Amino acid sequence: MWHHTKDHLLLGVYQSSTDCSLSMVRLRLINIKNGQIDKDMKFDCGAGIVATSIYANVYRAKNPHHATVIFQGGYHGMGDDRDVAVEP
Protein backbone atom coordinates (compact mmCIF):
# COMPACT_ATOMS: atom_id res chain seq x y z
CA MET A 1 0.00 0.00 0.00
CA TRP A 2 1.33 3.40 -0.92
CA HIS A 3 1.04 4.68 2.60
CA HIS A 4 1.80 8.40 2.84
CA THR A 5 1.90 11.83 1.28
CA LYS A 6 4.15 14.66 2.38
CA ASP A 7 1.81 15.52 5.28
CA HIS A 8 -0.35 12.43 5.85
CA LEU A 9 -0.18 8.72 6.61
CA LEU A 10 -2.91 6.92 4.65
CA LEU A 11 -4.63 4.24 6.71
CA GLY A 12 -7.11 1.84 5.11
CA VAL A 13 -9.88 0.58 7.42
CA TYR A 14 -11.30 -2.79 6.32
CA GLN A 15 -14.62 -4.32 7.34
CA SER A 16 -16.78 -7.28 6.44
CA SER A 17 -20.58 -7.45 6.75
CA THR A 18 -23.49 -9.52 5.49
CA ASP A 19 -24.07 -6.94 2.74
CA CYS A 20 -20.45 -6.63 1.67
CA SER A 21 -17.51 -8.99 1.82
CA LEU A 22 -14.19 -7.69 3.13
CA SER A 23 -13.68 -4.19 1.72
CA MET A 24 -11.84 -1.00 2.56
CA VAL A 25 -14.75 1.03 3.92
CA ARG A 26 -12.65 4.05 4.90
CA LEU A 27 -9.38 5.71 4.05
CA ARG A 28 -8.15 7.90 6.87
CA LEU A 29 -5.58 10.65 6.44
CA ILE A 30 -3.56 10.85 9.64
CA ASN A 31 -1.63 14.08 10.09
CA ILE A 32 2.04 13.10 10.43
CA LYS A 33 2.85 16.09 12.67
CA ASN A 34 0.04 15.79 15.25
CA GLY A 35 -1.44 12.29 14.82
CA GLN A 36 -4.98 13.62 14.29
CA ILE A 37 -7.35 12.35 11.59
CA ASP A 38 -7.58 15.20 9.08
CA LYS A 39 -9.88 13.41 6.65
CA ASP A 40 -11.99 10.24 6.82
CA MET A 41 -13.11 9.13 3.36
CA LYS A 42 -15.89 6.54 2.98
CA PHE A 43 -15.99 4.00 0.13
CA ASP A 44 -18.60 1.67 -1.34
CA CYS A 45 -18.36 -2.08 -1.17
CA GLY A 46 -15.51 -3.52 -3.25
CA ALA A 47 -12.84 -0.93 -2.53
CA GLY A 48 -9.30 -1.95 -1.80
CA ILE A 49 -9.51 -5.72 -2.28
CA VAL A 50 -8.27 -6.40 -5.79
CA ALA A 51 -4.55 -7.00 -5.20
CA THR A 52 -4.88 -8.34 -1.64
CA SER A 53 -6.96 -7.18 1.28
CA ILE A 54 -4.14 -4.98 2.56
CA TYR A 55 -1.36 -4.27 0.04
CA ALA A 56 -1.25 -2.52 -3.33
CA ASN A 57 -4.80 -1.18 -3.38
CA VAL A 58 -3.90 2.45 -2.68
CA TYR A 59 -1.03 4.11 -4.47
CA ARG A 60 0.35 7.41 -5.71
CA ALA A 61 -1.69 9.06 -8.44
CA LYS A 62 -0.29 11.29 -11.18
CA ASN A 63 -1.81 14.30 -9.41
CA PRO A 64 0.20 14.82 -6.18
CA HIS A 65 -2.99 15.76 -4.30
CA HIS A 66 -4.72 12.47 -5.13
CA ALA A 67 -4.31 8.78 -4.40
CA THR A 68 -5.47 5.96 -6.64
CA VAL A 69 -7.77 3.38 -5.02
CA ILE A 70 -8.47 0.08 -6.76
CA PHE A 71 -12.08 -1.14 -6.76
CA GLN A 72 -13.49 -4.47 -7.94
CA GLY A 73 -14.44 -4.69 -11.60
CA GLY A 74 -12.75 -2.90 -14.45
CA TYR A 75 -11.12 -4.34 -17.56
CA HIS A 76 -11.20 -8.15 -17.40
CA GLY A 77 -12.05 -7.96 -13.70
CA MET A 78 -8.56 -6.75 -12.86
CA GLY A 79 -9.78 -3.71 -10.98
CA ASP A 80 -11.12 -0.25 -11.57
CA ASP A 81 -8.58 2.46 -10.66
CA ARG A 82 -10.18 5.61 -9.28
CA ASP A 83 -8.28 8.74 -8.30
CA VAL A 84 -9.57 10.36 -5.11
CA ALA A 85 -8.58 13.74 -3.72
CA VAL A 86 -6.69 13.31 -0.46
CA GLU A 87 -5.18 16.76 0.00
CA PRO A 88 -6.15 20.26 -1.14
PDB file of N, CA and C in Angstrom:
ATOM      1  N   MET A   1       0.854  -1.177   0.000  1.00  0.00           N
ATOM      2  CA  MET A   1       0.000   0.000   0.000  1.00  0.00           C
ATOM      3  C   MET A   1       0.889   1.225   0.000  1.00  0.00           C
ATOM      4  N   TRP A   2       0.641   2.110  -0.946  1.00  0.00           N
ATOM      5  CA  TRP A   2       1.329   3.396  -0.920  1.00  0.00           C
ATOM      6  C   TRP A   2       0.762   4.112   0.292  1.00  0.00           C
ATOM      7  N   HIS A   3       1.551   4.388   1.273  1.00  0.00           N
ATOM      8  CA  HIS A   3       1.035   4.684   2.604  1.00  0.00           C
ATOM      9  C   HIS A   3       1.192   6.103   3.108  1.00  0.00           C
ATOM     10  N   HIS A   4       1.695   7.042   2.312  1.00  0.00           N
ATOM     11  CA  HIS A   4       1.797   8.403   2.837  1.00  0.00           C
ATOM     12  C   HIS A   4       1.927   9.434   1.726  1.00  0.00           C
ATOM     13  N   THR A   5       1.601  10.666   2.096  1.00  0.00           N
ATOM     14  CA  THR A   5       1.901  11.831   1.276  1.00  0.00           C
ATOM     15  C   THR A   5       2.921  12.628   2.078  1.00  0.00           C
ATOM     16  N   LYS A   6       3.202  13.827   1.646  1.00  0.00           N
ATOM     17  CA  LYS A   6       4.150  14.663   2.380  1.00  0.00           C
ATOM     18  C   LYS A   6       3.665  14.928   3.806  1.00  0.00           C
ATOM     19  N   ASP A   7       2.361  15.120   3.985  1.00  0.00           N
ATOM     20  CA  ASP A   7       1.811  15.520   5.282  1.00  0.00           C
ATOM     21  C   ASP A   7       0.967  14.457   5.983  1.00  0.00           C
ATOM     22  N   HIS A   8       0.601  13.390   5.287  1.00  0.00           N
ATOM     23  CA  HIS A   8      -0.346  12.427   5.853  1.00  0.00           C
ATOM     24  C   HIS A   8       0.071  10.973   5.678  1.00  0.00           C
ATOM     25  N   LEU A   9      -0.231  10.183   6.690  1.00  0.00           N
ATOM     26  CA  LEU A   9      -0.178   8.725   6.609  1.00  0.00           C
ATOM     27  C   LEU A   9      -1.558   8.287   6.138  1.00  0.00           C
ATOM     28  N   LEU A  10      -1.630   7.418   5.134  1.00  0.00           N
ATOM     29  CA  LEU A  10      -2.913   6.918   4.650  1.00  0.00           C
ATOM     30  C   LEU A  10      -3.171   5.568   5.291  1.00  0.00           C
ATOM     31  N   LEU A  11      -4.296   5.449   5.974  1.00  0.00           N
ATOM     32  CA  LEU A  11      -4.631   4.244   6.714  1.00  0.00           C
ATOM     33  C   LEU A  11      -5.949   3.678   6.196  1.00  0.00           C
ATOM     34  N   GLY A  12      -5.899   2.496   5.592  1.00  0.00           N
ATOM     35  CA  GLY A  12      -7.109   1.841   5.112  1.00  0.00           C
ATOM     36  C   GLY A  12      -7.782   1.092   6.245  1.00  0.00           C
ATOM     37  N   VAL A  13      -9.106   1.271   6.391  1.00  0.00           N
ATOM     38  CA  VAL A  13      -9.883   0.583   7.415  1.00  0.00           C
ATOM     39  C   VAL A  13     -10.772  -0.430   6.695  1.00  0.00           C
ATOM     40  N   TYR A  14     -10.576  -1.713   6.985  1.00  0.00           N
ATOM     41  CA  TYR A  14     -11.301  -2.792   6.325  1.00  0.00           C
ATOM     42  C   TYR A  14     -12.388  -3.343   7.229  1.00  0.00           C
ATOM     43  N   GLN A  15     -13.488  -3.783   6.582  1.00  0.00           N
ATOM     44  CA  GLN A  15     -14.617  -4.317   7.342  1.00  0.00           C
ATOM     45  C   GLN A  15     -15.345  -5.336   6.480  1.00  0.00           C
ATOM     46  N   SER A  16     -15.968  -6.287   7.125  1.00  0.00           N
ATOM     47  CA  SER A  16     -16.783  -7.275   6.436  1.00  0.00           C
ATOM     48  C   SER A  16     -18.177  -7.261   7.064  1.00  0.00           C
ATOM     49  N   SER A  17     -19.210  -7.410   6.236  1.00  0.00           N
ATOM     50  CA  SER A  17     -20.581  -7.448   6.753  1.00  0.00           C
ATOM     51  C   SER A  17     -21.390  -8.417   5.905  1.00  0.00           C
ATOM     52  N   THR A  18     -22.632  -8.635   6.274  1.00  0.00           N
ATOM     53  CA  THR A  18     -23.491  -9.523   5.491  1.00  0.00           C
ATOM     54  C   THR A  18     -23.795  -8.928   4.118  1.00  0.00           C
ATOM     55  N   ASP A  19     -23.785  -7.606   4.009  1.00  0.00           N
ATOM     56  CA  ASP A  19     -24.072  -6.938   2.739  1.00  0.00           C
ATOM     57  C   ASP A  19     -22.852  -6.803   1.843  1.00  0.00           C
ATOM     58  N   CYS A  20     -21.667  -6.884   2.431  1.00  0.00           N
ATOM     59  CA  CYS A  20     -20.448  -6.627   1.668  1.00  0.00           C
ATOM     60  C   CYS A  20     -19.312  -7.463   2.235  1.00  0.00           C
ATOM     61  N   SER A  21     -18.665  -8.229   1.354  1.00  0.00           N
ATOM     62  CA  SER A  21     -17.509  -8.993   1.820  1.00  0.00           C
ATOM     63  C   SER A  21     -16.395  -8.017   2.211  1.00  0.00           C
ATOM     64  N   LEU A  22     -15.297  -8.528   2.668  1.00  0.00           N
ATOM     65  CA  LEU A  22     -14.194  -7.689   3.128  1.00  0.00           C
ATOM     66  C   LEU A  22     -13.881  -6.593   2.122  1.00  0.00           C
ATOM     67  N   SER A  23     -13.952  -5.345   2.567  1.00  0.00           N
ATOM     68  CA  SER A  23     -13.679  -4.187   1.724  1.00  0.00           C
ATOM     69  C   SER A  23     -13.069  -3.076   2.564  1.00  0.00           C
ATOM     70  N   MET A  24     -12.346  -2.185   1.884  1.00  0.00           N
ATOM     71  CA  MET A  24     -11.841  -0.998   2.559  1.00  0.00           C
ATOM     72  C   MET A  24     -12.997   0.004   2.612  1.00  0.00           C
ATOM     73  N   VAL A  25     -13.584   0.165   3.773  1.00  0.00           N
ATOM     74  CA  VAL A  25     -14.751   1.029   3.916  1.00  0.00           C
ATOM     75  C   VAL A  25     -14.356   2.480   4.167  1.00  0.00           C
ATOM     76  N   ARG A  26     -13.130   2.689   4.625  1.00  0.00           N
ATOM     77  CA  ARG A  26     -12.654   4.049   4.895  1.00  0.00           C
ATOM     78  C   ARG A  26     -11.171   4.158   4.551  1.00  0.00           C
ATOM     79  N   LEU A  27     -10.780   5.360   4.189  1.00  0.00           N
ATOM     80  CA  LEU A  27      -9.376   5.711   4.054  1.00  0.00           C
ATOM     81  C   LEU A  27      -9.171   6.950   4.904  1.00  0.00           C
ATOM     82  N   ARG A  28      -8.369   6.791   5.939  1.00  0.00           N
ATOM     83  CA  ARG A  28      -8.147   7.900   6.869  1.00  0.00           C
ATOM     84  C   ARG A  28      -6.805   8.559   6.580  1.00  0.00           C
ATOM     85  N   LEU A  29      -6.808   9.885   6.588  1.00  0.00           N
ATOM     86  CA  LEU A  29      -5.584  10.647   6.439  1.00  0.00           C
ATOM     87  C   LEU A  29      -5.164  11.105   7.824  1.00  0.00           C
ATOM     88  N   ILE A  30      -4.077  10.533   8.308  1.00  0.00           N
ATOM     89  CA  ILE A  30      -3.563  10.845   9.636  1.00  0.00           C
ATOM     90  C   ILE A  30      -2.459  11.882   9.481  1.00  0.00           C
ATOM     91  N   ASN A  31      -2.619  13.005  10.138  1.00  0.00           N
ATOM     92  CA  ASN A  31      -1.627  14.077  10.089  1.00  0.00           C
ATOM     93  C   ASN A  31      -0.335  13.584  10.720  1.00  0.00           C
ATOM     94  N   ILE A  32       0.759  13.606   9.953  1.00  0.00           N
ATOM     95  CA  ILE A  32       2.042  13.103  10.432  1.00  0.00           C
ATOM     96  C   ILE A  32       2.566  13.923  11.611  1.00  0.00           C
ATOM     97  N   LYS A  33       2.306  15.218  11.615  1.00  0.00           N
ATOM     98  CA  LYS A  33       2.846  16.091  12.675  1.00  0.00           C
ATOM     99  C   LYS A  33       2.123  15.946  14.006  1.00  0.00           C
ATOM    100  N   ASN A  34       0.772  15.797  13.973  1.00  0.00           N
ATOM    101  CA  ASN A  34       0.043  15.791  15.248  1.00  0.00           C
ATOM    102  C   ASN A  34      -0.732  14.501  15.534  1.00  0.00           C
ATOM    103  N   GLY A  35      -0.763  13.563  14.595  1.00  0.00           N
ATOM    104  CA  GLY A  35      -1.436  12.285  14.822  1.00  0.00           C
ATOM    105  C   GLY A  35      -2.952  12.337  14.726  1.00  0.00           C
ATOM    106  N   GLN A  36      -3.523  13.479  14.393  1.00  0.00           N
ATOM    107  CA  GLN A  36      -4.979  13.616  14.290  1.00  0.00           C
ATOM    108  C   GLN A  36      -5.472  13.155  12.918  1.00  0.00           C
ATOM    109  N   ILE A  37      -6.729  12.708  12.864  1.00  0.00           N
ATOM    110  CA  ILE A  37      -7.351  12.350  11.590  1.00  0.00           C
ATOM    111  C   ILE A  37      -7.821  13.645  10.931  1.00  0.00           C
ATOM    112  N   ASP A  38      -7.201  13.993   9.802  1.00  0.00           N
ATOM    113  CA  ASP A  38      -7.577  15.205   9.076  1.00  0.00           C
ATOM    114  C   ASP A  38      -8.720  14.952   8.095  1.00  0.00           C
ATOM    115  N   LYS A  39      -8.835  13.724   7.613  1.00  0.00           N
ATOM    116  CA  LYS A  39      -9.877  13.408   6.645  1.00  0.00           C
ATOM    117  C   LYS A  39     -10.227  11.936   6.793  1.00  0.00           C
ATOM    118  N   ASP A  40     -11.508  11.618   6.716  1.00  0.00           N
ATOM    119  CA  ASP A  40     -11.991  10.243   6.816  1.00  0.00           C
ATOM    120  C   ASP A  40     -12.899  10.009   5.616  1.00  0.00           C
ATOM    121  N   MET A  41     -12.383   9.341   4.605  1.00  0.00           N
ATOM    122  CA  MET A  41     -13.110   9.133   3.355  1.00  0.00           C
ATOM    123  C   MET A  41     -13.827   7.792   3.408  1.00  0.00           C
ATOM    124  N   LYS A  42     -15.101   7.773   2.997  1.00  0.00           N
ATOM    125  CA  LYS A  42     -15.895   6.538   2.978  1.00  0.00           C
ATOM    126  C   LYS A  42     -15.954   6.000   1.554  1.00  0.00           C
ATOM    127  N   PHE A  43     -15.929   4.650   1.435  1.00  0.00           N
ATOM    128  CA  PHE A  43     -15.985   4.002   0.134  1.00  0.00           C
ATOM    129  C   PHE A  43     -17.096   2.962   0.099  1.00  0.00           C
ATOM    130  N   ASP A  44     -17.586   2.699  -1.115  1.00  0.00           N
ATOM    131  CA  ASP A  44     -18.595   1.675  -1.338  1.00  0.00           C
ATOM    132  C   ASP A  44     -17.965   0.291  -1.258  1.00  0.00           C
ATOM    133  N   CYS A  45     -18.789  -0.692  -1.192  1.00  0.00           N
ATOM    134  CA  CYS A  45     -18.357  -2.083  -1.174  1.00  0.00           C
ATOM    135  C   CYS A  45     -17.459  -2.369  -2.387  1.00  0.00           C
ATOM    136  N   GLY A  46     -16.394  -3.127  -2.165  1.00  0.00           N
ATOM    137  CA  GLY A  46     -15.512  -3.518  -3.254  1.00  0.00           C
ATOM    138  C   GLY A  46     -14.245  -2.705  -3.361  1.00  0.00           C
ATOM    139  N   ALA A  47     -14.056  -1.750  -2.479  1.00  0.00           N
ATOM    140  CA  ALA A  47     -12.842  -0.928  -2.532  1.00  0.00           C
ATOM    141  C   ALA A  47     -11.689  -1.658  -1.861  1.00  0.00           C
ATOM    142  N   GLY A  48     -10.519  -1.523  -2.452  1.00  0.00           N
ATOM    143  CA  GLY A  48      -9.298  -1.953  -1.804  1.00  0.00           C
ATOM    144  C   GLY A  48      -9.094  -3.434  -1.618  1.00  0.00           C
ATOM    145  N   ILE A  49      -9.684  -4.269  -2.478  1.00  0.00           N
ATOM    146  CA  ILE A  49      -9.513  -5.718  -2.279  1.00  0.00           C
ATOM    147  C   ILE A  49      -9.071  -6.446  -3.537  1.00  0.00           C
ATOM    148  N   VAL A  50      -8.621  -5.740  -4.535  1.00  0.00           N
ATOM    149  CA  VAL A  50      -8.268  -6.396  -5.792  1.00  0.00           C
ATOM    150  C   VAL A  50      -6.921  -7.100  -5.699  1.00  0.00           C
ATOM    151  N   ALA A  51      -5.886  -6.399  -5.257  1.00  0.00           N
ATOM    152  CA  ALA A  51      -4.550  -7.004  -5.196  1.00  0.00           C
ATOM    153  C   ALA A  51      -4.475  -7.988  -4.031  1.00  0.00           C
ATOM    154  N   THR A  52      -4.693  -7.528  -2.846  1.00  0.00           N
ATOM    155  CA  THR A  52      -4.882  -8.337  -1.638  1.00  0.00           C
ATOM    156  C   THR A  52      -5.751  -7.485  -0.743  1.00  0.00           C
ATOM    157  N   SER A  53      -6.098  -7.985   0.403  1.00  0.00           N
ATOM    158  CA  SER A  53      -6.959  -7.177   1.279  1.00  0.00           C
ATOM    159  C   SER A  53      -6.200  -6.027   1.941  1.00  0.00           C
ATOM    160  N   ILE A  54      -4.883  -6.029   1.884  1.00  0.00           N
ATOM    161  CA  ILE A  54      -4.138  -4.979   2.564  1.00  0.00           C
ATOM    162  C   ILE A  54      -3.197  -4.225   1.629  1.00  0.00           C
ATOM    163  N   TYR A  55      -2.428  -4.921   0.797  1.00  0.00           N
ATOM    164  CA  TYR A  55      -1.361  -4.269   0.040  1.00  0.00           C
ATOM    165  C   TYR A  55      -1.767  -3.927  -1.381  1.00  0.00           C
ATOM    166  N   ALA A  56      -1.173  -2.885  -1.909  1.00  0.00           N
ATOM    167  CA  ALA A  56      -1.249  -2.520  -3.330  1.00  0.00           C
ATOM    168  C   ALA A  56      -2.641  -2.148  -3.820  1.00  0.00           C
ATOM    169  N   ASN A  57      -3.473  -1.651  -2.967  1.00  0.00           N
ATOM    170  CA  ASN A  57      -4.796  -1.184  -3.381  1.00  0.00           C
ATOM    171  C   ASN A  57      -4.922   0.331  -3.336  1.00  0.00           C
ATOM    172  N   VAL A  58      -3.950   0.987  -2.734  1.00  0.00           N
ATOM    173  CA  VAL A  58      -3.899   2.445  -2.684  1.00  0.00           C
ATOM    174  C   VAL A  58      -2.485   2.837  -3.069  1.00  0.00           C
ATOM    175  N   TYR A  59      -2.368   3.706  -4.064  1.00  0.00           N
ATOM    176  CA  TYR A  59      -1.025   4.107  -4.468  1.00  0.00           C
ATOM    177  C   TYR A  59      -1.032   5.519  -5.020  1.00  0.00           C
ATOM    178  N   ARG A  60       0.153   6.028  -5.254  1.00  0.00           N
ATOM    179  CA  ARG A  60       0.351   7.410  -5.715  1.00  0.00           C
ATOM    180  C   ARG A  60      -0.306   7.614  -7.073  1.00  0.00           C
ATOM    181  N   ALA A  61      -1.070   8.692  -7.180  1.00  0.00           N
ATOM    182  CA  ALA A  61      -1.692   9.062  -8.443  1.00  0.00           C
ATOM    183  C   ALA A  61      -0.775  10.045  -9.177  1.00  0.00           C
ATOM    184  N   LYS A  62      -1.088  10.314 -10.427  1.00  0.00           N
ATOM    185  CA  LYS A  62      -0.292  11.291 -11.181  1.00  0.00           C
ATOM    186  C   LYS A  62      -0.405  12.674 -10.560  1.00  0.00           C
ATOM    187  N   ASN A  63      -1.597  13.027 -10.099  1.00  0.00           N
ATOM    188  CA  ASN A  63      -1.814  14.300  -9.414  1.00  0.00           C
ATOM    189  C   ASN A  63      -1.303  14.149  -7.983  1.00  0.00           C
ATOM    190  N   PRO A  64      -0.374  14.988  -7.525  1.00  0.00           N
ATOM    191  CA  PRO A  64       0.199  14.819  -6.182  1.00  0.00           C
ATOM    192  C   PRO A  64      -0.795  15.026  -5.041  1.00  0.00           C
ATOM    193  N   HIS A  65      -1.973  15.542  -5.324  1.00  0.00           N
ATOM    194  CA  HIS A  65      -2.991  15.764  -4.301  1.00  0.00           C
ATOM    195  C   HIS A  65      -4.030  14.638  -4.262  1.00  0.00           C
ATOM    196  N   HIS A  66      -3.805  13.599  -5.049  1.00  0.00           N
ATOM    197  CA  HIS A  66      -4.721  12.466  -5.135  1.00  0.00           C
ATOM    198  C   HIS A  66      -4.003  11.166  -4.802  1.00  0.00           C
ATOM    199  N   ALA A  67      -4.790  10.153  -4.503  1.00  0.00           N
ATOM    200  CA  ALA A  67      -4.306   8.776  -4.402  1.00  0.00           C
ATOM    201  C   ALA A  67      -5.201   7.949  -5.314  1.00  0.00           C
ATOM    202  N   THR A  68      -4.684   6.855  -5.818  1.00  0.00           N
ATOM    203  CA  THR A  68      -5.471   5.960  -6.640  1.00  0.00           C
ATOM    204  C   THR A  68      -5.898   4.779  -5.786  1.00  0.00           C
ATOM    205  N   VAL A  69      -7.207   4.509  -5.767  1.00  0.00           N
ATOM    206  CA  VAL A  69      -7.769   3.381  -5.021  1.00  0.00           C
ATOM    207  C   VAL A  69      -8.296   2.386  -6.049  1.00  0.00           C
ATOM    208  N   ILE A  70      -7.999   1.110  -5.850  1.00  0.00           N
ATOM    209  CA  ILE A  70      -8.474   0.079  -6.765  1.00  0.00           C
ATOM    210  C   ILE A  70      -9.771  -0.524  -6.226  1.00  0.00           C
ATOM    211  N   PHE A  71     -10.786  -0.545  -7.080  1.00  0.00           N
ATOM    212  CA  PHE A  71     -12.084  -1.140  -6.758  1.00  0.00           C
ATOM    213  C   PHE A  71     -12.257  -2.412  -7.578  1.00  0.00           C
ATOM    214  N   GLN A  72     -13.175  -3.280  -7.163  1.00  0.00           N
ATOM    215  CA  GLN A  72     -13.494  -4.469  -7.942  1.00  0.00           C
ATOM    216  C   GLN A  72     -14.045  -4.063  -9.293  1.00  0.00           C
ATOM    217  N   GLY A  73     -13.893  -4.942 -10.279  1.00  0.00           N
ATOM    218  CA  GLY A  73     -14.444  -4.694 -11.604  1.00  0.00           C
ATOM    219  C   GLY A  73     -13.359  -4.274 -12.567  1.00  0.00           C
ATOM    220  N   GLY A  74     -13.709  -3.394 -13.490  1.00  0.00           N
ATOM    221  CA  GLY A  74     -12.748  -2.895 -14.450  1.00  0.00           C
ATOM    222  C   GLY A  74     -12.495  -3.861 -15.587  1.00  0.00           C
ATOM    223  N   TYR A  75     -11.493  -3.580 -16.370  1.00  0.00           N
ATOM    224  CA  TYR A  75     -11.125  -4.341 -17.555  1.00  0.00           C
ATOM    225  C   TYR A  75     -10.745  -5.767 -17.183  1.00  0.00           C
ATOM    226  N   HIS A  76     -11.439  -6.724 -17.669  1.00  0.00           N
ATOM    227  CA  HIS A  76     -11.201  -8.149 -17.402  1.00  0.00           C
ATOM    228  C   HIS A  76     -11.220  -8.472 -15.911  1.00  0.00           C
ATOM    229  N   GLY A  77     -11.945  -7.690 -15.125  1.00  0.00           N
ATOM    230  CA  GLY A  77     -12.053  -7.961 -13.697  1.00  0.00           C
ATOM    231  C   GLY A  77     -10.783  -7.698 -12.910  1.00  0.00           C
ATOM    232  N   MET A  78      -9.839  -6.990 -13.515  1.00  0.00           N
ATOM    233  CA  MET A  78      -8.558  -6.750 -12.864  1.00  0.00           C
ATOM    234  C   MET A  78      -8.549  -5.479 -12.014  1.00  0.00           C
ATOM    235  N   GLY A  79      -9.689  -4.878 -11.834  1.00  0.00           N
ATOM    236  CA  GLY A  79      -9.775  -3.713 -10.976  1.00  0.00           C
ATOM    237  C   GLY A  79     -10.084  -2.444 -11.730  1.00  0.00           C
ATOM    238  N   ASP A  80     -10.710  -1.541 -11.036  1.00  0.00           N
ATOM    239  CA  ASP A  80     -11.117  -0.247 -11.569  1.00  0.00           C
ATOM    240  C   ASP A  80     -10.372   0.809 -10.761  1.00  0.00           C
ATOM    241  N   ASP A  81      -9.360   1.433 -11.351  1.00  0.00           N
ATOM    242  CA  ASP A  81      -8.576   2.459 -10.663  1.00  0.00           C
ATOM    243  C   ASP A  81      -9.351   3.768 -10.623  1.00  0.00           C
ATOM    244  N   ARG A  82      -9.490   4.331  -9.427  1.00  0.00           N
ATOM    245  CA  ARG A  82     -10.178   5.615  -9.276  1.00  0.00           C
ATOM    246  C   ARG A  82      -9.302   6.564  -8.467  1.00  0.00           C
ATOM    247  N   ASP A  83      -9.036   7.730  -9.024  1.00  0.00           N
ATOM    248  CA  ASP A  83      -8.282   8.744  -8.295  1.00  0.00           C
ATOM    249  C   ASP A  83      -9.217   9.483  -7.360  1.00  0.00           C
ATOM    250  N   VAL A  84      -8.787   9.636  -6.117  1.00  0.00           N
ATOM    251  CA  VAL A  84      -9.571  10.359  -5.114  1.00  0.00           C
ATOM    252  C   VAL A  84      -8.695  11.455  -4.528  1.00  0.00           C
ATOM    253  N   ALA A  85      -9.305  12.617  -4.310  1.00  0.00           N
ATOM    254  CA  ALA A  85      -8.579  13.740  -3.721  1.00  0.00           C
ATOM    255  C   ALA A  85      -8.306  13.471  -2.257  1.00  0.00           C
ATOM    256  N   VAL A  86      -7.043  13.527  -1.846  1.00  0.00           N
ATOM    257  CA  VAL A  86      -6.691  13.307  -0.463  1.00  0.00           C
ATOM    258  C   VAL A  86      -6.190  14.579   0.219  1.00  0.00           C
ATOM    259  N   GLU A  87      -5.677  15.498  -0.565  1.00  0.00           N
ATOM    260  CA  GLU A  87      -5.184  16.762   0.004  1.00  0.00           C
ATOM    261  C   GLU A  87      -5.588  17.904  -0.910  1.00  0.00           C
ATOM    262  N   PRO A  88      -5.764  19.084  -0.320  1.00  0.00           N
ATOM    263  CA  PRO A  88      -6.146  20.256  -1.144  1.00  0.00           C
ATOM    264  C   PRO A  88      -5.045  20.698  -2.089  1.00  0.00           C
TER     265      PRO A  88
END
